[in-house]
């Protein structure tokens, strides 16, 4: 029985396009093969893994949350005693 193929169309960022093109060139595979493999892998993971451990590739934060994250990155808190013990060499 012959396989039926369906074409899909999607808009992707220039960065993603460049990554795809670099990957397929380096490995000598077709873009369609990469896309189908990636979709199958992703869909299988979504079905088999608990939803709470799936980390989305992009996180959307509010302006307020973004400012709080930036502040923490620019002025991190001092490590706690427990954190210092965790990184001590034995």
PDB file of N, CA and C in Angstrom:
ATOM      1  N   UNK A   1       0.840  -1.178   0.000  1.00  0.00           N
ATOM      2  CA  UNK A   1       0.000   0.000   0.000  1.00  0.00           C
ATOM      3  C   UNK A   1       0.886   1.243   0.000  1.00  0.00           C
ATOM      4  N   UNK A   2       0.626   2.180  -0.880  1.00  0.00           N
ATOM      5  CA  UNK A   2       1.435   3.382  -1.001  1.00  0.00           C
ATOM      6  C   UNK A   2       1.111   4.359   0.128  1.00  0.00           C
ATOM      7  N   UNK A   3       2.149   5.042   0.589  1.00  0.00           N
ATOM      8  CA  UNK A   3       1.945   6.051   1.623  1.00  0.00           C
ATOM      9  C   UNK A   3       1.386   7.322   0.998  1.00  0.00           C
ATOM     10  N   UNK A   4       0.474   7.957   1.698  1.00  0.00           N
ATOM     11  CA  UNK A   4      -0.080   9.228   1.256  1.00  0.00           C
ATOM     12  C   UNK A   4       0.654  10.324   2.010  1.00  0.00           C
ATOM     13  N   UNK A   5       1.133  11.319   1.309  1.00  0.00           N
ATOM     14  CA  UNK A   5       1.857  12.424   1.928  1.00  0.00           C
ATOM     15  C   UNK A   5       1.013  13.682   1.848  1.00  0.00           C
ATOM     16  N   UNK A   6       1.048  14.461   2.901  1.00  0.00           N
ATOM     17  CA  UNK A   6       0.329  15.723   2.960  1.00  0.00           C
ATOM     18  C   UNK A   6       1.332  16.839   3.172  1.00  0.00           C
ATOM     19  N   UNK A   7       1.187  17.897   2.419  1.00  0.00           N
ATOM     20  CA  UNK A   7       2.083  19.038   2.566  1.00  0.00           C
ATOM     21  C   UNK A   7       1.486  19.998   3.576  1.00  0.00           C
ATOM     22  N   UNK A   8       2.350  20.541   4.439  1.00  0.00           N
ATOM     23  CA  UNK A   8       1.913  21.564   5.385  1.00  0.00           C
ATOM     24  C   UNK A   8       2.720  22.824   5.130  1.00  0.00           C
ATOM     25  N   UNK A   9       2.197  23.935   5.583  1.00  0.00           N
ATOM     26  CA  UNK A   9       2.884  25.211   5.424  1.00  0.00           C
ATOM     27  C   UNK A   9       2.894  25.908   6.780  1.00  0.00           C
ATOM     28  N   UNK A  10       4.015  26.487   7.125  1.00  0.00           N
ATOM     29  CA  UNK A  10       4.111  27.176   8.412  1.00  0.00           C
ATOM     30  C   UNK A  10       5.085  28.340   8.301  1.00  0.00           C
ATOM     31  N   UNK A  11       4.805  29.391   9.019  1.00  0.00           N
ATOM     32  CA  UNK A  11       5.726  30.515   9.098  1.00  0.00           C
ATOM     33  C   UNK A  11       6.664  30.282  10.273  1.00  0.00           C
ATOM     34  N   UNK A  12       7.955  30.434  10.039  1.00  0.00           N
ATOM     35  CA  UNK A  12       8.946  30.283  11.098  1.00  0.00           C
ATOM     36  C   UNK A  12       9.869  31.489  11.066  1.00  0.00           C
ATOM     37  N   UNK A  13      10.561  31.730  12.162  1.00  0.00           N
ATOM     38  CA  UNK A  13      11.471  32.869  12.235  1.00  0.00           C
ATOM     39  C   UNK A  13      12.693  32.629  11.359  1.00  0.00           C
ATOM     40  N   UNK A  14      13.382  33.698  11.027  1.00  0.00           N
ATOM     41  CA  UNK A  14      14.625  33.590  10.252  1.00  0.00           C
ATOM     42  C   UNK A  14      15.662  32.771  11.011  1.00  0.00           C
ATOM     43  N   UNK A  15      15.707  32.941  12.321  1.00  0.00           N
ATOM     44  CA  UNK A  15      16.664  32.196  13.145  1.00  0.00           C
ATOM     45  C   UNK A  15      16.403  30.701  13.034  1.00  0.00           C
ATOM     46  N   UNK A  16      15.126  30.304  13.149  1.00  0.00           N
ATOM     47  CA  UNK A  16      14.778  28.890  13.037  1.00  0.00           C
ATOM     48  C   UNK A  16      15.085  28.379  11.640  1.00  0.00           C
ATOM     49  N   UNK A  17      14.774  29.153  10.636  1.00  0.00           N
ATOM     50  CA  UNK A  17      15.051  28.764   9.248  1.00  0.00           C
ATOM     51  C   UNK A  17      16.538  28.515   9.056  1.00  0.00           C
ATOM     52  N   UNK A  18      17.360  29.410   9.585  1.00  0.00           N
ATOM     53  CA  UNK A  18      18.812  29.242   9.465  1.00  0.00           C
ATOM     54  C   UNK A  18      19.291  27.983  10.185  1.00  0.00           C
ATOM     55  N   UNK A  19      18.742  27.725  11.365  1.00  0.00           N
ATOM     56  CA  UNK A  19      19.111  26.518  12.107  1.00  0.00           C
ATOM     57  C   UNK A  19      18.728  25.256  11.336  1.00  0.00           C
ATOM     58  N   UNK A  20      17.533  25.258  10.759  1.00  0.00           N
ATOM     59  CA  UNK A  20      17.083  24.101   9.968  1.00  0.00           C
ATOM     60  C   UNK A  20      18.005  23.887   8.779  1.00  0.00           C
ATOM     61  N   UNK A  21      18.287  24.952   8.055  1.00  0.00           N
ATOM     62  CA  UNK A  21      19.122  24.824   6.863  1.00  0.00           C
ATOM     63  C   UNK A  21      20.530  24.361   7.208  1.00  0.00           C
ATOM     64  N   UNK A  22      21.086  24.866   8.304  1.00  0.00           N
ATOM     65  CA  UNK A  22      22.413  24.405   8.724  1.00  0.00           C
ATOM     66  C   UNK A  22      22.403  22.926   9.095  1.00  0.00           C
ATOM     67  N   UNK A  23      21.350  22.519   9.810  1.00  0.00           N
ATOM     68  CA  UNK A  23      21.250  21.137  10.269  1.00  0.00           C
ATOM     69  C   UNK A  23      21.134  20.174   9.087  1.00  0.00           C
ATOM     70  N   UNK A  24      20.240  20.480   8.138  1.00  0.00           N
ATOM     71  CA  UNK A  24      20.043  19.550   7.020  1.00  0.00           C
ATOM     72  C   UNK A  24      21.269  19.499   6.110  1.00  0.00           C
ATOM     73  N   UNK A  25      21.935  20.623   5.937  1.00  0.00           N
ATOM     74  CA  UNK A  25      23.168  20.635   5.130  1.00  0.00           C
ATOM     75  C   UNK A  25      24.249  19.793   5.783  1.00  0.00           C
ATOM     76  N   UNK A  26      24.410  19.946   7.082  1.00  0.00           N
ATOM     77  CA  UNK A  26      25.475  19.245   7.801  1.00  0.00           C
ATOM     78  C   UNK A  26      25.245  17.736   7.824  1.00  0.00           C
ATOM     79  N   UNK A  27      23.990  17.314   7.797  1.00  0.00           N
ATOM     80  CA  UNK A  27      23.695  15.888   7.913  1.00  0.00           C
ATOM     81  C   UNK A  27      23.228  15.248   6.616  1.00  0.00           C
ATOM     82  N   UNK A  28      23.064  16.066   5.581  1.00  0.00           N
ATOM     83  CA  UNK A  28      22.675  15.525   4.289  1.00  0.00           C
ATOM     84  C   UNK A  28      21.282  14.921   4.265  1.00  0.00           C
ATOM     85  N   UNK A  29      20.360  15.537   4.985  1.00  0.00           N
ATOM     86  CA  UNK A  29      18.980  15.046   4.990  1.00  0.00           C
ATOM     87  C   UNK A  29      18.068  16.092   4.373  1.00  0.00           C
ATOM     88  N   UNK A  30      16.853  15.721   4.079  1.00  0.00           N
ATOM     89  CA  UNK A  30      15.867  16.637   3.505  1.00  0.00           C
ATOM     90  C   UNK A  30      15.119  17.354   4.632  1.00  0.00           C
ATOM     91  N   UNK A  31      14.695  18.584   4.344  1.00  0.00           N
ATOM     92  CA  UNK A  31      13.948  19.357   5.337  1.00  0.00           C
ATOM     93  C   UNK A  31      12.669  18.642   5.748  1.00  0.00           C
ATOM     94  N   UNK A  32      11.972  18.048   4.791  1.00  0.00           N
ATOM     95  CA  UNK A  32      10.729  17.342   5.100  1.00  0.00           C
ATOM     96  C   UNK A  32      10.947  16.214   6.087  1.00  0.00           C
ATOM     97  N   UNK A  33      12.057  15.482   5.926  1.00  0.00           N
ATOM     98  CA  UNK A  33      12.383  14.394   6.847  1.00  0.00           C
ATOM     99  C   UNK A  33      12.624  14.946   8.245  1.00  0.00           C
ATOM    100  N   UNK A  34      13.373  16.047   8.332  1.00  0.00           N
ATOM    101  CA  UNK A  34      13.649  16.660   9.634  1.00  0.00           C
ATOM    102  C   UNK A  34      12.359  17.126  10.299  1.00  0.00           C
ATOM    103  N   UNK A  35      11.509  17.800   9.546  1.00  0.00           N
ATOM    104  CA  UNK A  35      10.266  18.333  10.113  1.00  0.00           C
ATOM    105  C   UNK A  35       9.369  17.195  10.595  1.00  0.00           C
ATOM    106  N   UNK A  36       9.207  16.157   9.774  1.00  0.00           N
ATOM    107  CA  UNK A  36       8.349  15.039  10.185  1.00  0.00           C
ATOM    108  C   UNK A  36       8.928  14.325  11.407  1.00  0.00           C
ATOM    109  N   UNK A  37      10.232  14.108  11.418  1.00  0.00           N
ATOM    110  CA  UNK A  37      10.863  13.452  12.571  1.00  0.00           C
ATOM    111  C   UNK A  37      10.678  14.290  13.833  1.00  0.00           C
ATOM    112  N   UNK A  38      10.876  15.594  13.713  1.00  0.00           N
ATOM    113  CA  UNK A  38      10.737  16.480  14.870  1.00  0.00           C
ATOM    114  C   UNK A  38       9.293  16.496  15.378  1.00  0.00           C
ATOM    115  N   UNK A  39       8.336  16.561  14.453  1.00  0.00           N
ATOM    116  CA  UNK A  39       6.930  16.555  14.865  1.00  0.00           C
ATOM    117  C   UNK A  39       6.551  15.250  15.548  1.00  0.00           C
ATOM    118  N   UNK A  40       6.968  14.141  14.979  1.00  0.00           N
ATOM    119  CA  UNK A  40       6.666  12.848  15.592  1.00  0.00           C
ATOM    120  C   UNK A  40       7.285  12.730  16.979  1.00  0.00           C
ATOM    121  N   UNK A  41       8.527  13.171  17.097  1.00  0.00           N
ATOM    122  CA  UNK A  41       9.216  13.123  18.392  1.00  0.00           C
ATOM    123  C   UNK A  41       8.491  13.991  19.415  1.00  0.00           C
ATOM    124  N   UNK A  42       8.133  15.187  19.013  1.00  0.00           N
ATOM    125  CA  UNK A  42       7.464  16.115  19.922  1.00  0.00           C
ATOM    126  C   UNK A  42       6.088  15.586  20.335  1.00  0.00           C
ATOM    127  N   UNK A  43       5.315  15.104  19.371  1.00  0.00           N
ATOM    128  CA  UNK A  43       3.982  14.598  19.678  1.00  0.00           C
ATOM    129  C   UNK A  43       4.040  13.357  20.570  1.00  0.00           C
ATOM    130  N   UNK A  44       5.019  12.503  20.341  1.00  0.00           N
ATOM    131  CA  UNK A  44       5.181  11.324  21.194  1.00  0.00           C
ATOM    132  C   UNK A  44       5.517  11.747  22.620  1.00  0.00           C
ATOM    133  N   UNK A  45       6.398  12.726  22.765  1.00  0.00           N
ATOM    134  CA  UNK A  45       6.761  13.220  24.095  1.00  0.00           C
ATOM    135  C   UNK A  45       5.542  13.809  24.800  1.00  0.00           C
ATOM    136  N   UNK A  46       4.735  14.578  24.072  1.00  0.00           N
ATOM    137  CA  UNK A  46       3.542  15.166  24.674  1.00  0.00           C
ATOM    138  C   UNK A  46       2.561  14.108  25.162  1.00  0.00           C
ATOM    139  N   UNK A  47       2.497  12.984  24.452  1.00  0.00           N
ATOM    140  CA  UNK A  47       1.583  11.915  24.858  1.00  0.00           C
ATOM    141  C   UNK A  47       2.134  11.081  26.014  1.00  0.00           C
ATOM    142  N   UNK A  48       3.441  10.883  26.057  1.00  0.00           N
ATOM    143  CA  UNK A  48       4.013   9.942  27.019  1.00  0.00           C
ATOM    144  C   UNK A  48       4.515  10.587  28.305  1.00  0.00           C
ATOM    145  N   UNK A  49       4.862  11.854  28.260  1.00  0.00           N
ATOM    146  CA  UNK A  49       5.412  12.513  29.446  1.00  0.00           C
ATOM    147  C   UNK A  49       4.329  13.270  30.191  1.00  0.00           C
ATOM    148  N   UNK A  50       4.451  13.368  31.517  1.00  0.00           N
ATOM    149  CA  UNK A  50       3.494  14.178  32.273  1.00  0.00           C
ATOM    150  C   UNK A  50       3.569  15.643  31.837  1.00  0.00           C
ATOM    151  N   UNK A  51       2.437  16.274  31.726  1.00  0.00           N
ATOM    152  CA  UNK A  51       2.368  17.653  31.224  1.00  0.00           C
ATOM    153  C   UNK A  51       3.222  18.626  32.038  1.00  0.00           C
ATOM    154  N   UNK A  52       3.374  18.377  33.339  1.00  0.00           N
ATOM    155  CA  UNK A  52       4.100  19.324  34.182  1.00  0.00           C
ATOM    156  C   UNK A  52       5.615  19.291  33.996  1.00  0.00           C
ATOM    157  N   UNK A  53       6.135  18.330  33.231  1.00  0.00           N
ATOM    158  CA  UNK A  53       7.582  18.334  32.997  1.00  0.00           C
ATOM    159  C   UNK A  53       7.948  18.794  31.594  1.00  0.00           C
ATOM    160  N   UNK A  54       6.953  19.122  30.784  1.00  0.00           N
ATOM    161  CA  UNK A  54       7.216  19.650  29.447  1.00  0.00           C
ATOM    162  C   UNK A  54       7.538  21.139  29.586  1.00  0.00           C
ATOM    163  N   UNK A  55       8.719  21.504  29.173  1.00  0.00           N
ATOM    164  CA  UNK A  55       9.140  22.904  29.245  1.00  0.00           C
ATOM    165  C   UNK A  55       9.002  23.505  27.857  1.00  0.00           C
ATOM    166  N   UNK A  56       8.160  24.524  27.709  1.00  0.00           N
ATOM    167  CA  UNK A  56       7.989  25.118  26.383  1.00  0.00           C
ATOM    168  C   UNK A  56       9.282  25.792  25.913  1.00  0.00           C
ATOM    169  N   UNK A  57       9.530  25.792  24.607  1.00  0.00           N
ATOM    170  CA  UNK A  57      10.762  26.401  24.101  1.00  0.00           C
ATOM    171  C   UNK A  57      10.780  27.922  24.237  1.00  0.00           C
ATOM    172  N   UNK A  58       9.618  28.502  24.416  1.00  0.00           N
ATOM    173  CA  UNK A  58       9.519  29.954  24.607  1.00  0.00           C
ATOM    174  C   UNK A  58       8.632  30.228  25.812  1.00  0.00           C
ATOM    175  N   UNK A  59       9.086  31.123  26.646  1.00  0.00           N
ATOM    176  CA  UNK A  59       8.286  31.536  27.794  1.00  0.00           C
ATOM    177  C   UNK A  59       7.865  32.981  27.581  1.00  0.00           C
ATOM    178  N   UNK A  60       6.620  33.273  27.846  1.00  0.00           N
ATOM    179  CA  UNK A  60       6.111  34.628  27.715  1.00  0.00           C
ATOM    180  C   UNK A  60       5.894  35.169  29.123  1.00  0.00           C
ATOM    181  N   UNK A  61       6.520  36.300  29.405  1.00  0.00           N
ATOM    182  CA  UNK A  61       6.377  36.925  30.723  1.00  0.00           C
ATOM    183  C   UNK A  61       5.840  38.339  30.547  1.00  0.00           C
ATOM    184  N   UNK A  62       5.219  38.833  31.585  1.00  0.00           N
ATOM    185  CA  UNK A  62       4.716  40.202  31.552  1.00  0.00           C
ATOM    186  C   UNK A  62       5.897  41.170  31.653  1.00  0.00           C
ATOM    187  N   UNK A  63       5.639  42.414  31.345  1.00  0.00           N
ATOM    188  CA  UNK A  63       6.690  43.432  31.467  1.00  0.00           C
ATOM    189  C   UNK A  63       7.193  43.504  32.909  1.00  0.00           C
ATOM    190  N   UNK A  64       6.261  43.395  33.853  1.00  0.00           N
ATOM    191  CA  UNK A  64       6.620  43.448  35.274  1.00  0.00           C
ATOM    192  C   UNK A  64       7.502  42.256  35.659  1.00  0.00           C
ATOM    193  N   UNK A  65       7.122  41.064  35.235  1.00  0.00           N
ATOM    194  CA  UNK A  65       7.921  39.876  35.528  1.00  0.00           C
ATOM    195  C   UNK A  65       9.281  39.952  34.855  1.00  0.00           C
ATOM    196  N   UNK A  66       9.309  40.441  33.620  1.00  0.00           N
ATOM    197  CA  UNK A  66      10.573  40.593  32.902  1.00  0.00           C
ATOM    198  C   UNK A  66      11.517  41.534  33.635  1.00  0.00           C
ATOM    199  N   UNK A  67      10.974  42.625  34.166  1.00  0.00           N
ATOM    200  CA  UNK A  67      11.794  43.575  34.911  1.00  0.00           C
ATOM    201  C   UNK A  67      12.343  42.923  36.187  1.00  0.00           C
ATOM    202  N   UNK A  68      11.523  42.115  36.844  1.00  0.00           N
ATOM    203  CA  UNK A  68      11.972  41.420  38.066  1.00  0.00           C
ATOM    204  C   UNK A  68      13.073  40.412  37.740  1.00  0.00           C
ATOM    205  N   UNK A  69      12.931  39.694  36.631  1.00  0.00           N
ATOM    206  CA  UNK A  69      13.958  38.734  36.212  1.00  0.00           C
ATOM    207  C   UNK A  69      15.256  39.462  35.908  1.00  0.00           C
ATOM    208  N   UNK A  70      15.167  40.558  35.171  1.00  0.00           N
ATOM    209  CA  UNK A  70      16.356  41.344  34.830  1.00  0.00           C
ATOM    210  C   UNK A  70      17.050  41.860  36.086  1.00  0.00           C
ATOM    211  N   UNK A  71      16.279  42.322  37.043  1.00  0.00           N
ATOM    212  CA  UNK A  71      16.856  42.809  38.299  1.00  0.00           C
ATOM    213  C   UNK A  71      17.613  41.702  39.029  1.00  0.00           C
ATOM    214  N   UNK A  72      17.039  40.505  39.077  1.00  0.00           N
ATOM    215  CA  UNK A  72      17.695  39.365  39.725  1.00  0.00           C
ATOM    216  C   UNK A  72      18.984  38.982  38.998  1.00  0.00           C
ATOM    217  N   UNK A  73      18.975  39.090  37.676  1.00  0.00           N
ATOM    218  CA  UNK A  73      20.180  38.762  36.905  1.00  0.00           C
ATOM    219  C   UNK A  73      21.277  39.794  37.128  1.00  0.00           C
ATOM    220  N   UNK A  74      20.872  41.059  37.219  1.00  0.00           N
ATOM    221  CA  UNK A  74      21.854  42.134  37.387  1.00  0.00           C
ATOM    222  C   UNK A  74      22.365  42.236  38.818  1.00  0.00           C
ATOM    223  N   UNK A  75      21.510  41.921  39.795  1.00  0.00           N
ATOM    224  CA  UNK A  75      21.889  42.021  41.206  1.00  0.00           C
ATOM    225  C   UNK A  75      21.446  40.757  41.934  1.00  0.00           C
ATOM    226  N   UNK A  76      22.150  39.650  41.712  1.00  0.00           N
ATOM    227  CA  UNK A  76      21.722  38.397  42.349  1.00  0.00           C
ATOM    228  C   UNK A  76      21.873  38.457  43.864  1.00  0.00           C
ATOM    229  N   UNK A  77      21.024  37.715  44.551  1.00  0.00           N
ATOM    230  CA  UNK A  77      21.117  37.613  46.010  1.00  0.00           C
ATOM    231  C   UNK A  77      22.378  36.846  46.389  1.00  0.00           C
ATOM    232  N   UNK A  78      22.841  37.074  47.601  1.00  0.00           N
ATOM    233  CA  UNK A  78      23.981  36.321  48.121  1.00  0.00           C
ATOM    234  C   UNK A  78      23.549  34.869  48.305  1.00  0.00           C
ATOM    235  N   UNK A  79      24.438  33.923  48.069  1.00  0.00           N
ATOM    236  CA  UNK A  79      24.053  32.514  48.261  1.00  0.00           C
ATOM    237  C   UNK A  79      23.757  32.227  49.730  1.00  0.00           C
ATOM    238  N   UNK A  80      22.796  31.364  49.958  1.00  0.00           N
ATOM    239  CA  UNK A  80      22.450  30.962  51.322  1.00  0.00           C
ATOM    240  C   UNK A  80      23.503  29.984  51.840  1.00  0.00           C
ATOM    241  N   UNK A  81      23.484  29.733  53.146  1.00  0.00           N
ATOM    242  CA  UNK A  81      24.418  28.765  53.726  1.00  0.00           C
ATOM    243  C   UNK A  81      24.212  27.374  53.108  1.00  0.00           C
ATOM    244  N   UNK A  82      22.936  27.015  52.890  1.00  0.00           N
ATOM    245  CA  UNK A  82      22.644  25.708  52.285  1.00  0.00           C
ATOM    246  C   UNK A  82      23.228  25.625  50.880  1.00  0.00           C
ATOM    247  N   UNK A  83      23.152  26.707  50.142  1.00  0.00           N
ATOM    248  CA  UNK A  83      23.694  26.709  48.781  1.00  0.00           C
ATOM    249  C   UNK A  83      25.218  26.625  48.817  1.00  0.00           C
ATOM    250  N   UNK A  84      25.830  27.310  49.761  1.00  0.00           N
ATOM    251  CA  UNK A  84      27.290  27.249  49.887  1.00  0.00           C
ATOM    252  C   UNK A  84      27.744  25.824  50.210  1.00  0.00           C
ATOM    253  N   UNK A  85      27.010  25.151  51.125  1.00  0.00           N
ATOM    254  CA  UNK A  85      27.345  23.769  51.471  1.00  0.00           C
ATOM    255  C   UNK A  85      27.207  22.845  50.264  1.00  0.00           C
ATOM    256  N   UNK A  86      26.188  23.099  49.456  1.00  0.00           N
ATOM    257  CA  UNK A  86      25.951  22.276  48.287  1.00  0.00           C
ATOM    258  C   UNK A  86      27.142  22.301  47.315  1.00  0.00           C
ATOM    259  N   UNK A  87      27.798  23.448  47.224  1.00  0.00           N
ATOM    260  CA  UNK A  87      28.902  23.595  46.262  1.00  0.00           C
ATOM    261  C   UNK A  87      30.283  23.437  46.880  1.00  0.00           C
ATOM    262  N   UNK A  88      30.327  23.115  48.167  1.00  0.00           N
ATOM    263  CA  UNK A  88      31.632  22.906  48.802  1.00  0.00           C
ATOM    264  C   UNK A  88      32.272  21.628  48.295  1.00  0.00           C
ATOM    265  N   UNK A  89      33.586  21.654  48.151  1.00  0.00           N
ATOM    266  CA  UNK A  89      34.339  20.438  47.798  1.00  0.00           C
ATOM    267  C   UNK A  89      34.522  19.611  49.065  1.00  0.00           C
ATOM    268  N   UNK A  90      34.367  18.310  48.941  1.00  0.00           N
ATOM    269  CA  UNK A  90      34.558  17.436  50.103  1.00  0.00           C
ATOM    270  C   UNK A  90      36.014  17.093  50.277  1.00  0.00           C
TER     271      UNK A  90
END
